[in-house]
């Protein structure tokens, strides 16, 4: 792309921007939902690929075709808001995509050659992808499953309906064009029940002993995750998901904090906490996730793990971490 900045930040490396001048620094950029760019040295790893956002979602500031550089794609699970653009990005960059079996079959059905796919299950000790100067281990986990008792489920559905009515008053009813565009994007993924139990992964990225845990869905902890941490200890950075369903405080206590306590990260980056408008099965464009304030999350993590630093970047905002020293720089200071 011709622009050298996006949202007043320097251009991410995957979009043609310059790498950090210090090869010992790992830079993270949040691309909305649970999508991230991880850049270190001359390497670029893209975590999830959901860039063409449905109508009414806040734009990222770039298009899918602008993503031209990557060494590896890691997809945590194949719902559309994680995998919708993986085929195009793999084709444009030549990078292979790591994904669970169900997701791999989906990518094949969309025309991505088998040679461009790392099929992983995360079972046992997990598959290890060795890229020379870094490795990635896939571990089996579980997707968030909102299993409420019937009475509470009915109340929750009533709450969602009331919120949809309010959103319609506030934003106006979706246009047919908005409905169609969102429905087409929602089709670019897999939404079968098996995704919850069989196709959700945690990735452990190891860069010369600097470890990153990436988990793009909150949910029950898998045996493979527990075994890995028991054998290797906590990680340097954890990127963990919270979407606030069915209730922010409930998910924080029951789902998110247990994951933080398991991975014991020195640095925590929350994800999936931005709003998401969807249209599943032609039911109409609606807000599935509302924006989740991360202040409560940061306070609770600090209460339970005072040694963990929570970093809350905005879209595209760089988080630069010195892998040796642990120093963290968020954003870019510009004086003119």
C-alpha atoms as a PDB file:
ATOM      1  CA  UNK A   1       0.000   0.000   0.000  1.00  0.00           C
ATOM      2  CA  UNK A   2       1.136   3.567  -0.673  1.00  0.00           C
ATOM      3  CA  UNK A   3       0.337   5.078   2.729  1.00  0.00           C
ATOM      4  CA  UNK A   4       3.154   4.927   5.280  1.00  0.00           C
ATOM      5  CA  UNK A   5       0.913   5.209   8.314  1.00  0.00           C
ATOM      6  CA  UNK A   6      -2.370   3.653   9.436  1.00  0.00           C
ATOM      7  CA  UNK A   7      -4.494   5.236  12.152  1.00  0.00           C
ATOM      8  CA  UNK A   8      -1.502   7.519  12.831  1.00  0.00           C
ATOM      9  CA  UNK A   9       0.818   4.571  13.513  1.00  0.00           C
ATOM     10  CA  UNK A  10       3.705   3.347  11.375  1.00  0.00           C
ATOM     11  CA  UNK A  11       2.879   0.743   8.761  1.00  0.00           C
ATOM     12  CA  UNK A  12       2.864  -2.870  10.052  1.00  0.00           C
ATOM     13  CA  UNK A  13       5.527  -5.124   8.557  1.00  0.00           C
ATOM     14  CA  UNK A  14       2.960  -7.450   6.961  1.00  0.00           C
ATOM     15  CA  UNK A  15       1.686  -4.457   4.991  1.00  0.00           C
ATOM     16  CA  UNK A  16       5.114  -3.416   3.745  1.00  0.00           C
ATOM     17  CA  UNK A  17       6.317  -1.425   6.734  1.00  0.00           C
ATOM     18  CA  UNK A  18       9.818  -1.472   8.168  1.00  0.00           C
ATOM     19  CA  UNK A  19      10.830  -3.998  10.793  1.00  0.00           C
ATOM     20  CA  UNK A  20      11.935  -2.788  14.211  1.00  0.00           C
ATOM     21  CA  UNK A  21      15.617  -1.755  14.016  1.00  0.00           C
ATOM     22  CA  UNK A  22      16.478  -3.946  17.021  1.00  0.00           C
ATOM     23  CA  UNK A  23      16.277  -7.629  16.072  1.00  0.00           C
ATOM     24  CA  UNK A  24      15.915  -8.463  19.764  1.00  0.00           C
ATOM     25  CA  UNK A  25      12.522  -6.762  19.946  1.00  0.00           C
ATOM     26  CA  UNK A  26       9.226  -8.533  19.272  1.00  0.00           C
ATOM     27  CA  UNK A  27       6.457  -6.205  18.070  1.00  0.00           C
ATOM     28  CA  UNK A  28       2.789  -7.045  18.378  1.00  0.00           C
ATOM     29  CA  UNK A  29      -0.006  -5.276  16.469  1.00  0.00           C
ATOM     30  CA  UNK A  30      -3.685  -5.906  17.162  1.00  0.00           C
ATOM     31  CA  UNK A  31      -5.709  -6.180  13.940  1.00  0.00           C
ATOM     32  CA  UNK A  32      -9.089  -6.420  15.688  1.00  0.00           C
ATOM     33  CA  UNK A  33     -11.004  -9.413  17.118  1.00  0.00           C
ATOM     34  CA  UNK A  34      -8.204 -11.936  17.823  1.00  0.00           C
ATOM     35  CA  UNK A  35      -6.026 -11.120  14.803  1.00  0.00           C
ATOM     36  CA  UNK A  36      -2.457  -9.984  15.455  1.00  0.00           C
ATOM     37  CA  UNK A  37       0.804  -9.367  13.672  1.00  0.00           C
ATOM     38  CA  UNK A  38       3.929 -10.625  15.435  1.00  0.00           C
ATOM     39  CA  UNK A  39       7.147  -9.256  13.929  1.00  0.00           C
ATOM     40  CA  UNK A  40      10.678  -9.978  15.122  1.00  0.00           C
ATOM     41  CA  UNK A  41      13.951  -9.714  13.228  1.00  0.00           C
ATOM     42  CA  UNK A  42      13.030 -10.352   9.607  1.00  0.00           C
ATOM     43  CA  UNK A  43      10.105 -12.620  10.536  1.00  0.00           C
ATOM     44  CA  UNK A  44       6.351 -12.007  10.400  1.00  0.00           C
ATOM     45  CA  UNK A  45       3.791 -14.354  11.946  1.00  0.00           C
ATOM     46  CA  UNK A  46       0.100 -13.553  11.545  1.00  0.00           C
ATOM     47  CA  UNK A  47      -2.239 -14.810  14.239  1.00  0.00           C
ATOM     48  CA  UNK A  48      -5.749 -15.330  12.807  1.00  0.00           C
ATOM     49  CA  UNK A  49      -6.824 -13.580   9.610  1.00  0.00           C
ATOM     50  CA  UNK A  50     -10.030 -11.561   9.813  1.00  0.00           C
ATOM     51  CA  UNK A  51      -9.492  -8.228   8.130  1.00  0.00           C
ATOM     52  CA  UNK A  52     -12.502  -7.673   5.861  1.00  0.00           C
ATOM     53  CA  UNK A  53     -14.894  -6.656   8.592  1.00  0.00           C
ATOM     54  CA  UNK A  54     -18.676  -6.702   8.138  1.00  0.00           C
ATOM     55  CA  UNK A  55     -20.608  -3.432   7.870  1.00  0.00           C
ATOM     56  CA  UNK A  56     -20.894  -1.350  11.059  1.00  0.00           C
ATOM     57  CA  UNK A  57     -17.682  -2.770  12.493  1.00  0.00           C
ATOM     58  CA  UNK A  58     -14.890  -0.278  13.042  1.00  0.00           C
ATOM     59  CA  UNK A  59     -12.500  -0.402  10.076  1.00  0.00           C
ATOM     60  CA  UNK A  60      -8.888  -1.415  10.542  1.00  0.00           C
ATOM     61  CA  UNK A  61      -7.547   1.046   7.995  1.00  0.00           C
ATOM     62  CA  UNK A  62      -6.294  -1.500   5.462  1.00  0.00           C
ATOM     63  CA  UNK A  63      -7.696  -4.087   3.036  1.00  0.00           C
ATOM     64  CA  UNK A  64      -6.967  -7.793   2.726  1.00  0.00           C
ATOM     65  CA  UNK A  65      -5.043  -7.219  -0.482  1.00  0.00           C
ATOM     66  CA  UNK A  66      -2.635  -4.938   1.418  1.00  0.00           C
ATOM     67  CA  UNK A  67      -1.292  -7.908   3.412  1.00  0.00           C
ATOM     68  CA  UNK A  68       1.721  -9.006   1.379  1.00  0.00           C
ATOM     69  CA  UNK A  69       4.283 -10.350   3.827  1.00  0.00           C
ATOM     70  CA  UNK A  70       4.181 -13.259   6.265  1.00  0.00           C
ATOM     71  CA  UNK A  71       6.233 -16.338   7.097  1.00  0.00           C
ATOM     72  CA  UNK A  72       3.496 -18.283   8.880  1.00  0.00           C
ATOM     73  CA  UNK A  73      -0.227 -18.027   9.604  1.00  0.00           C
ATOM     74  CA  UNK A  74      -1.612 -19.455  12.856  1.00  0.00           C
ATOM     75  CA  UNK A  75      -5.375 -19.935  13.066  1.00  0.00           C
ATOM     76  CA  UNK A  76      -6.740 -20.678  16.529  1.00  0.00           C
ATOM     77  CA  UNK A  77     -10.106 -22.001  15.324  1.00  0.00           C
ATOM     78  CA  UNK A  78     -12.042 -21.837  12.043  1.00  0.00           C
ATOM     79  CA  UNK A  79     -14.997 -19.576  12.884  1.00  0.00           C
ATOM     80  CA  UNK A  80     -15.334 -16.857  10.253  1.00  0.00           C
ATOM     81  CA  UNK A  81     -14.110 -14.072  12.533  1.00  0.00           C
ATOM     82  CA  UNK A  82     -10.768 -15.889  12.742  1.00  0.00           C
ATOM     83  CA  UNK A  83     -10.279 -17.591   9.364  1.00  0.00           C
ATOM     84  CA  UNK A  84     -12.274 -15.556   6.811  1.00  0.00           C
ATOM     85  CA  UNK A  85      -9.178 -14.162   5.058  1.00  0.00           C
ATOM     86  CA  UNK A  86      -6.667 -16.967   5.609  1.00  0.00           C
ATOM     87  CA  UNK A  87      -6.906 -18.340   2.059  1.00  0.00           C
ATOM     88  CA  UNK A  88      -6.296 -14.960   0.439  1.00  0.00           C
ATOM     89  CA  UNK A  89      -3.462 -14.045   2.791  1.00  0.00           C
ATOM     90  CA  UNK A  90      -1.749 -17.405   2.284  1.00  0.00           C
ATOM     91  CA  UNK A  91      -2.023 -16.993  -1.471  1.00  0.00           C
ATOM     92  CA  UNK A  92      -0.687 -13.431  -1.386  1.00  0.00           C
ATOM     93  CA  UNK A  93       2.241 -14.095   0.948  1.00  0.00           C
ATOM     94  CA  UNK A  94       3.108 -17.717   0.247  1.00  0.00           C
ATOM     95  CA  UNK A  95       2.918 -18.430   3.984  1.00  0.00           C
ATOM     96  CA  UNK A  96       1.580 -21.761   5.183  1.00  0.00           C
ATOM     97  CA  UNK A  97      -1.412 -21.808   7.517  1.00  0.00           C
ATOM     98  CA  UNK A  98      -1.482 -23.911  10.680  1.00  0.00           C
ATOM     99  CA  UNK A  99      -5.001 -24.956  11.607  1.00  0.00           C
ATOM    100  CA  UNK A 100      -6.952 -27.854  13.115  1.00  0.00           C
ATOM    101  CA  UNK A 101      -8.212 -30.675  10.874  1.00  0.00           C
ATOM    102  CA  UNK A 102     -11.729 -29.273  10.454  1.00  0.00           C
ATOM    103  CA  UNK A 103     -10.301 -25.924   9.455  1.00  0.00           C
ATOM    104  CA  UNK A 104      -7.801 -27.533   7.102  1.00  0.00           C
ATOM    105  CA  UNK A 105     -10.633 -29.248   5.244  1.00  0.00           C
ATOM    106  CA  UNK A 106     -12.369 -25.882   4.943  1.00  0.00           C
ATOM    107  CA  UNK A 107      -9.250 -24.202   3.533  1.00  0.00           C
ATOM    108  CA  UNK A 108      -8.904 -27.014   0.989  1.00  0.00           C
ATOM    109  CA  UNK A 109     -12.533 -26.529  -0.045  1.00  0.00           C
ATOM    110  CA  UNK A 110     -11.774 -22.861  -0.698  1.00  0.00           C
ATOM    111  CA  UNK A 111      -8.918 -23.679  -3.059  1.00  0.00           C
ATOM    112  CA  UNK A 112      -5.845 -23.516  -0.830  1.00  0.00           C
ATOM    113  CA  UNK A 113      -3.440 -26.322  -1.817  1.00  0.00           C
ATOM    114  CA  UNK A 114      -2.651 -28.997   0.771  1.00  0.00           C
ATOM    115  CA  UNK A 115       1.008 -27.977   0.591  1.00  0.00           C
ATOM    116  CA  UNK A 116       0.066 -24.590   2.041  1.00  0.00           C
ATOM    117  CA  UNK A 117      -1.558 -26.091   5.140  1.00  0.00           C
ATOM    118  CA  UNK A 118      -0.072 -27.379   8.390  1.00  0.00           C
ATOM    119  CA  UNK A 119      -2.687 -29.811   9.727  1.00  0.00           C
ATOM    120  CA  UNK A 120      -2.437 -29.971  13.502  1.00  0.00           C
ATOM    121  CA  UNK A 121      -4.511 -31.528  16.284  1.00  0.00           C
ATOM    122  CA  UNK A 122      -2.674 -30.316  19.370  1.00  0.00           C
ATOM    123  CA  UNK A 123      -3.154 -33.723  20.973  1.00  0.00           C
ATOM    124  CA  UNK A 124      -0.564 -35.409  23.169  1.00  0.00           C
ATOM    125  CA  UNK A 125       2.510 -33.217  23.425  1.00  0.00           C
ATOM    126  CA  UNK A 126       1.275 -31.228  20.426  1.00  0.00           C
ATOM    127  CA  UNK A 127       2.795 -30.858  16.979  1.00  0.00           C
ATOM    128  CA  UNK A 128       5.911 -28.672  16.719  1.00  0.00           C
ATOM    129  CA  UNK A 129       6.532 -26.538  13.632  1.00  0.00           C
ATOM    130  CA  UNK A 130      10.252 -25.760  13.400  1.00  0.00           C
ATOM    131  CA  UNK A 131      11.072 -22.643  11.393  1.00  0.00           C
ATOM    132  CA  UNK A 132      14.741 -22.550  12.378  1.00  0.00           C
ATOM    133  CA  UNK A 133      14.922 -19.342  14.390  1.00  0.00           C
ATOM    134  CA  UNK A 134      11.568 -19.995  16.062  1.00  0.00           C
ATOM    135  CA  UNK A 135       9.246 -22.882  16.783  1.00  0.00           C
ATOM    136  CA  UNK A 136       5.498 -23.193  17.243  1.00  0.00           C
ATOM    137  CA  UNK A 137       3.785 -25.882  19.305  1.00  0.00           C
ATOM    138  CA  UNK A 138       0.059 -26.515  18.802  1.00  0.00           C
ATOM    139  CA  UNK A 139      -1.915 -27.565  21.891  1.00  0.00           C
ATOM    140  CA  UNK A 140      -5.510 -28.744  21.977  1.00  0.00           C
ATOM    141  CA  UNK A 141      -7.934 -26.512  23.884  1.00  0.00           C
ATOM    142  CA  UNK A 142     -11.648 -25.791  23.968  1.00  0.00           C
ATOM    143  CA  UNK A 143     -13.776 -22.983  22.586  1.00  0.00           C
ATOM    144  CA  UNK A 144     -16.075 -20.973  24.810  1.00  0.00           C
ATOM    145  CA  UNK A 145     -19.385 -22.825  25.106  1.00  0.00           C
ATOM    146  CA  UNK A 146     -22.193 -20.758  26.603  1.00  0.00           C
ATOM    147  CA  UNK A 147     -24.216 -23.547  28.216  1.00  0.00           C
ATOM    148  CA  UNK A 148     -26.831 -21.827  30.378  1.00  0.00           C
ATOM    149  CA  UNK A 149     -29.728 -23.368  32.303  1.00  0.00           C
ATOM    150  CA  UNK A 150     -33.039 -22.902  30.409  1.00  0.00           C
ATOM    151  CA  UNK A 151     -34.349 -20.113  32.642  1.00  0.00           C
ATOM    152  CA  UNK A 152     -31.133 -18.121  32.462  1.00  0.00           C
ATOM    153  CA  UNK A 153     -30.807 -18.798  28.725  1.00  0.00           C
ATOM    154  CA  UNK A 154     -34.301 -17.330  28.186  1.00  0.00           C
ATOM    155  CA  UNK A 155     -33.339 -14.211  30.134  1.00  0.00           C
ATOM    156  CA  UNK A 156     -30.171 -13.872  28.103  1.00  0.00           C
ATOM    157  CA  UNK A 157     -32.068 -14.169  24.813  1.00  0.00           C
ATOM    158  CA  UNK A 158     -34.504 -11.513  26.050  1.00  0.00           C
ATOM    159  CA  UNK A 159     -31.543  -9.269  26.850  1.00  0.00           C
ATOM    160  CA  UNK A 160     -30.083  -9.774  23.370  1.00  0.00           C
ATOM    161  CA  UNK A 161     -33.452  -8.995  21.768  1.00  0.00           C
ATOM    162  CA  UNK A 162     -33.810  -5.817  23.816  1.00  0.00           C
ATOM    163  CA  UNK A 163     -30.305  -4.731  22.879  1.00  0.00           C
ATOM    164  CA  UNK A 164     -31.028  -5.396  19.196  1.00  0.00           C
ATOM    165  CA  UNK A 165     -34.120  -3.179  19.417  1.00  0.00           C
ATOM    166  CA  UNK A 166     -32.061  -0.434  21.017  1.00  0.00           C
ATOM    167  CA  UNK A 167     -29.303  -0.758  18.410  1.00  0.00           C
ATOM    168  CA  UNK A 168     -31.902  -0.461  15.645  1.00  0.00           C
ATOM    169  CA  UNK A 169     -33.216   2.759  17.208  1.00  0.00           C
ATOM    170  CA  UNK A 170     -29.719   4.129  17.661  1.00  0.00           C
ATOM    171  CA  UNK A 171     -28.097   3.089  14.367  1.00  0.00           C
ATOM    172  CA  UNK A 172     -31.147   2.553  12.195  1.00  0.00           C
ATOM    173  CA  UNK A 173     -32.207  -0.722  10.649  1.00  0.00           C
ATOM    174  CA  UNK A 174     -29.541  -2.493   8.549  1.00  0.00           C
ATOM    175  CA  UNK A 175     -29.898  -1.993   4.825  1.00  0.00           C
ATOM    176  CA  UNK A 176     -30.296  -4.995   2.507  1.00  0.00           C
ATOM    177  CA  UNK A 177     -26.783  -4.284   1.214  1.00  0.00           C
ATOM    178  CA  UNK A 178     -25.357  -4.407   4.746  1.00  0.00           C
ATOM    179  CA  UNK A 179     -27.186  -7.661   5.456  1.00  0.00           C
ATOM    180  CA  UNK A 180     -25.881  -9.277   2.276  1.00  0.00           C
ATOM    181  CA  UNK A 181     -22.293  -8.168   2.811  1.00  0.00           C
ATOM    182  CA  UNK A 182     -22.240  -9.443   6.393  1.00  0.00           C
ATOM    183  CA  UNK A 183     -23.870 -12.751   5.422  1.00  0.00           C
ATOM    184  CA  UNK A 184     -21.219 -13.406   2.761  1.00  0.00           C
ATOM    185  CA  UNK A 185     -18.408 -12.811   5.254  1.00  0.00           C
ATOM    186  CA  UNK A 186     -20.043 -15.114   7.819  1.00  0.00           C
ATOM    187  CA  UNK A 187     -19.988 -17.911   5.254  1.00  0.00           C
ATOM    188  CA  UNK A 188     -16.173 -17.832   5.144  1.00  0.00           C
ATOM    189  CA  UNK A 189     -15.646 -20.198   8.062  1.00  0.00           C
ATOM    190  CA  UNK A 190     -16.885 -23.297   9.881  1.00  0.00           C
ATOM    191  CA  UNK A 191     -19.560 -23.059  12.576  1.00  0.00           C
ATOM    192  CA  UNK A 192     -20.319 -26.692  13.383  1.00  0.00           C
ATOM    193  CA  UNK A 193     -20.417 -27.867  17.030  1.00  0.00           C
ATOM    194  CA  UNK A 194     -17.198 -29.829  16.557  1.00  0.00           C
ATOM    195  CA  UNK A 195     -15.224 -26.587  16.417  1.00  0.00           C
ATOM    196  CA  UNK A 196     -15.872 -26.106  20.140  1.00  0.00           C
ATOM    197  CA  UNK A 197     -14.351 -29.425  21.188  1.00  0.00           C
ATOM    198  CA  UNK A 198     -12.046 -30.519  18.339  1.00  0.00           C
ATOM    199  CA  UNK A 199     -10.790 -27.500  16.429  1.00  0.00           C
ATOM    200  CA  UNK A 200      -9.675 -24.927  18.992  1.00  0.00           C
ATOM    201  CA  UNK A 201      -5.946 -24.567  19.559  1.00  0.00           C
ATOM    202  CA  UNK A 202      -3.419 -22.732  21.672  1.00  0.00           C
ATOM    203  CA  UNK A 203      -0.091 -21.973  20.011  1.00  0.00           C
ATOM    204  CA  UNK A 204       3.157 -21.661  21.961  1.00  0.00           C
ATOM    205  CA  UNK A 205       5.650 -19.611  19.968  1.00  0.00           C
ATOM    206  CA  UNK A 206       9.268 -19.934  21.110  1.00  0.00           C
ATOM    207  CA  UNK A 207      11.815 -17.385  19.890  1.00  0.00           C
ATOM    208  CA  UNK A 208      15.170 -18.357  21.400  1.00  0.00           C
ATOM    209  CA  UNK A 209      13.544 -19.072  24.759  1.00  0.00           C
ATOM    210  CA  UNK A 210      11.127 -16.119  24.671  1.00  0.00           C
ATOM    211  CA  UNK A 211       7.707 -17.752  24.795  1.00  0.00           C
ATOM    212  CA  UNK A 212       4.314 -16.515  23.643  1.00  0.00           C
ATOM    213  CA  UNK A 213       0.989 -18.253  24.278  1.00  0.00           C
ATOM    214  CA  UNK A 214      -1.725 -17.387  21.772  1.00  0.00           C
ATOM    215  CA  UNK A 215      -5.295 -18.526  22.485  1.00  0.00           C
ATOM    216  CA  UNK A 216      -8.019 -16.941  20.362  1.00  0.00           C
ATOM    217  CA  UNK A 217     -11.013 -18.224  22.355  1.00  0.00           C
ATOM    218  CA  UNK A 218     -11.793 -18.349  26.029  1.00  0.00           C
ATOM    219  CA  UNK A 219     -12.995 -21.765  27.102  1.00  0.00           C
ATOM    220  CA  UNK A 220     -12.201 -24.761  29.274  1.00  0.00           C
ATOM    221  CA  UNK A 221      -8.517 -25.569  29.636  1.00  0.00           C
ATOM    222  CA  UNK A 222      -7.304 -28.652  27.784  1.00  0.00           C
ATOM    223  CA  UNK A 223      -5.229 -31.428  29.317  1.00  0.00           C
ATOM    224  CA  UNK A 224      -2.528 -30.663  26.767  1.00  0.00           C
ATOM    225  CA  UNK A 225      -2.299 -27.076  27.973  1.00  0.00           C
ATOM    226  CA  UNK A 226      -2.005 -28.127  31.611  1.00  0.00           C
ATOM    227  CA  UNK A 227       0.653 -30.724  30.795  1.00  0.00           C
ATOM    228  CA  UNK A 228       2.730 -28.239  28.819  1.00  0.00           C
ATOM    229  CA  UNK A 229       2.728 -25.634  31.584  1.00  0.00           C
ATOM    230  CA  UNK A 230       3.480 -28.276  34.217  1.00  0.00           C
ATOM    231  CA  UNK A 231       6.543 -29.292  32.201  1.00  0.00           C
ATOM    232  CA  UNK A 232       7.735 -25.873  31.037  1.00  0.00           C
ATOM    233  CA  UNK A 233       6.348 -23.239  33.388  1.00  0.00           C
ATOM    234  CA  UNK A 234       4.748 -19.906  32.531  1.00  0.00           C
ATOM    235  CA  UNK A 235       5.247 -17.802  29.420  1.00  0.00           C
ATOM    236  CA  UNK A 236       6.655 -14.372  28.689  1.00  0.00           C
ATOM    237  CA  UNK A 237       3.586 -13.127  26.783  1.00  0.00           C
ATOM    238  CA  UNK A 238       0.022 -14.425  26.666  1.00  0.00           C
ATOM    239  CA  UNK A 239      -2.601 -13.231  24.194  1.00  0.00           C
ATOM    240  CA  UNK A 240      -5.943 -14.367  25.599  1.00  0.00           C
ATOM    241  CA  UNK A 241      -9.522 -13.867  24.472  1.00  0.00           C
ATOM    242  CA  UNK A 242     -12.458 -12.314  26.298  1.00  0.00           C
ATOM    243  CA  UNK A 243     -15.696 -11.336  24.546  1.00  0.00           C
ATOM    244  CA  UNK A 244     -17.931 -10.740  27.553  1.00  0.00           C
ATOM    245  CA  UNK A 245     -20.556 -13.433  26.893  1.00  0.00           C
ATOM    246  CA  UNK A 246     -22.891 -14.034  28.534  1.00  0.00           C
ATOM    247  CA  UNK A 247     -21.721 -11.506  31.148  1.00  0.00           C
ATOM    248  CA  UNK A 248     -18.371  -9.728  31.367  1.00  0.00           C
ATOM    249  CA  UNK A 249     -17.733 -10.261  35.081  1.00  0.00           C
ATOM    250  CA  UNK A 250     -18.840 -13.908  34.880  1.00  0.00           C
ATOM    251  CA  UNK A 251     -16.576 -14.686  31.915  1.00  0.00           C
ATOM    252  CA  UNK A 252     -13.696 -12.829  33.526  1.00  0.00           C
ATOM    253  CA  UNK A 253     -13.897 -14.894  36.715  1.00  0.00           C
ATOM    254  CA  UNK A 254     -14.905 -18.274  35.275  1.00  0.00           C
ATOM    255  CA  UNK A 255     -12.973 -18.378  32.006  1.00  0.00           C
ATOM    256  CA  UNK A 256     -10.382 -15.633  31.543  1.00  0.00           C
ATOM    257  CA  UNK A 257      -8.666 -15.560  34.936  1.00  0.00           C
ATOM    258  CA  UNK A 258      -8.168 -19.359  35.051  1.00  0.00           C
ATOM    259  CA  UNK A 259      -6.305 -19.077  31.728  1.00  0.00           C
ATOM    260  CA  UNK A 260      -4.165 -16.222  33.020  1.00  0.00           C
ATOM    261  CA  UNK A 261      -3.409 -18.197  36.179  1.00  0.00           C
ATOM    262  CA  UNK A 262      -2.453 -21.227  34.082  1.00  0.00           C
ATOM    263  CA  UNK A 263      -0.078 -19.427  31.713  1.00  0.00           C
ATOM    264  CA  UNK A 264       1.369 -17.053  34.357  1.00  0.00           C
ATOM    265  CA  UNK A 265       2.451 -14.496  31.726  1.00  0.00           C
ATOM    266  CA  UNK A 266       4.854 -11.676  32.461  1.00  0.00           C
ATOM    267  CA  UNK A 267       2.927  -9.624  29.903  1.00  0.00           C
ATOM    268  CA  UNK A 268      -0.767 -10.087  29.091  1.00  0.00           C
ATOM    269  CA  UNK A 269      -2.470  -8.771  25.945  1.00  0.00           C
ATOM    270  CA  UNK A 270      -6.278  -9.215  25.906  1.00  0.00           C
ATOM    271  CA  UNK A 271      -8.067  -9.797  22.619  1.00  0.00           C
ATOM    272  CA  UNK A 272     -11.520 -10.340  21.094  1.00  0.00           C
ATOM    273  CA  UNK A 273     -12.964  -7.575  23.298  1.00  0.00           C
ATOM    274  CA  UNK A 274     -14.040  -5.262  20.473  1.00  0.00           C
ATOM    275  CA  UNK A 275     -17.572  -5.143  19.110  1.00  0.00           C
ATOM    276  CA  UNK A 276     -18.564  -7.495  16.310  1.00  0.00           C
ATOM    277  CA  UNK A 277     -21.562  -7.197  13.988  1.00  0.00           C
ATOM    278  CA  UNK A 278     -22.559 -10.421  12.199  1.00  0.00           C
ATOM    279  CA  UNK A 279     -25.268 -11.937  10.027  1.00  0.00           C
ATOM    280  CA  UNK A 280     -25.502 -15.702  10.463  1.00  0.00           C
ATOM    281  CA  UNK A 281     -27.712 -17.644   8.091  1.00  0.00           C
ATOM    282  CA  UNK A 282     -29.539 -14.628   6.763  1.00  0.00           C
ATOM    283  CA  UNK A 283     -31.034 -13.720  10.153  1.00  0.00           C
ATOM    284  CA  UNK A 284     -30.025 -10.097   9.698  1.00  0.00           C
ATOM    285  CA  UNK A 285     -27.104  -7.929  10.733  1.00  0.00           C
ATOM    286  CA  UNK A 286     -26.820  -7.659  14.506  1.00  0.00           C
ATOM    287  CA  UNK A 287     -24.247  -6.848  17.133  1.00  0.00           C
ATOM    288  CA  UNK A 288     -23.051 -10.176  18.502  1.00  0.00           C
ATOM    289  CA  UNK A 289     -20.337  -8.784  20.777  1.00  0.00           C
ATOM    290  CA  UNK A 290     -20.342  -5.373  22.424  1.00  0.00           C
ATOM    291  CA  UNK A 291     -17.106  -3.584  23.292  1.00  0.00           C
ATOM    292  CA  UNK A 292     -15.690  -4.913  26.573  1.00  0.00           C
ATOM    293  CA  UNK A 293     -13.932  -2.432  28.837  1.00  0.00           C
ATOM    294  CA  UNK A 294     -10.565  -3.884  29.821  1.00  0.00           C
ATOM    295  CA  UNK A 295     -10.092  -1.770  32.959  1.00  0.00           C
ATOM    296  CA  UNK A 296     -11.864  -4.332  35.181  1.00  0.00           C
ATOM    297  CA  UNK A 297      -9.830  -7.088  33.558  1.00  0.00           C
ATOM    298  CA  UNK A 298      -6.564  -5.231  34.222  1.00  0.00           C
ATOM    299  CA  UNK A 299      -7.475  -4.606  37.870  1.00  0.00           C
ATOM    300  CA  UNK A 300      -8.489  -8.218  38.516  1.00  0.00           C
ATOM    301  CA  UNK A 301      -5.333  -9.574  36.876  1.00  0.00           C
ATOM    302  CA  UNK A 302      -3.236  -7.196  38.978  1.00  0.00           C
ATOM    303  CA  UNK A 303      -5.056  -8.345  42.111  1.00  0.00           C
ATOM    304  CA  UNK A 304      -4.397 -12.026  41.388  1.00  0.00           C
ATOM    305  CA  UNK A 305      -1.018 -11.800  39.622  1.00  0.00           C
ATOM    306  CA  UNK A 306       0.680  -8.537  40.648  1.00  0.00           C
ATOM    307  CA  UNK A 307       3.764  -9.461  38.644  1.00  0.00           C
ATOM    308  CA  UNK A 308       1.823  -9.559  35.363  1.00  0.00           C
ATOM    309  CA  UNK A 309       1.689  -6.405  33.237  1.00  0.00           C
ATOM    310  CA  UNK A 310      -1.522  -5.999  31.212  1.00  0.00           C
ATOM    311  CA  UNK A 311      -1.131  -4.112  27.934  1.00  0.00           C
ATOM    312  CA  UNK A 312      -4.232  -2.849  26.123  1.00  0.00           C
ATOM    313  CA  UNK A 313      -3.317  -1.581  22.633  1.00  0.00           C
ATOM    314  CA  UNK A 314      -5.723  -0.092  20.137  1.00  0.00           C
ATOM    315  CA  UNK A 315      -6.015  -1.212  16.523  1.00  0.00           C
ATOM    316  CA  UNK A 316      -2.606  -1.186  14.773  1.00  0.00           C
ATOM    317  CA  UNK A 317      -0.878   0.347  17.818  1.00  0.00           C
ATOM    318  CA  UNK A 318       2.540  -1.319  18.220  1.00  0.00           C
ATOM    319  CA  UNK A 319       3.556  -3.076  21.415  1.00  0.00           C
ATOM    320  CA  UNK A 320       7.339  -3.515  21.319  1.00  0.00           C
ATOM    321  CA  UNK A 321       8.890  -5.918  23.839  1.00  0.00           C
ATOM    322  CA  UNK A 322      12.624  -6.297  24.359  1.00  0.00           C
ATOM    323  CA  UNK A 323      12.925 -10.073  24.546  1.00  0.00           C
ATOM    324  CA  UNK A 324      16.045  -9.993  26.732  1.00  0.00           C
ATOM    325  CA  UNK A 325      15.167  -7.173  29.132  1.00  0.00           C
ATOM    326  CA  UNK A 326      11.370  -7.457  29.158  1.00  0.00           C
ATOM    327  CA  UNK A 327      10.973  -3.724  28.586  1.00  0.00           C
ATOM    328  CA  UNK A 328       7.624  -2.814  26.974  1.00  0.00           C
ATOM    329  CA  UNK A 329       6.892   0.194  24.758  1.00  0.00           C
ATOM    330  CA  UNK A 330       3.303   0.855  23.734  1.00  0.00           C
ATOM    331  CA  UNK A 331       2.546   3.190  20.819  1.00  0.00           C
ATOM    332  CA  UNK A 332       4.831   5.651  19.106  1.00  0.00           C
ATOM    333  CA  UNK A 333       5.766   9.028  20.562  1.00  0.00           C
ATOM    334  CA  UNK A 334       5.904  11.717  17.902  1.00  0.00           C
ATOM    335  CA  UNK A 335       6.750  15.355  18.568  1.00  0.00           C
ATOM    336  CA  UNK A 336       6.622  17.906  15.767  1.00  0.00           C
END
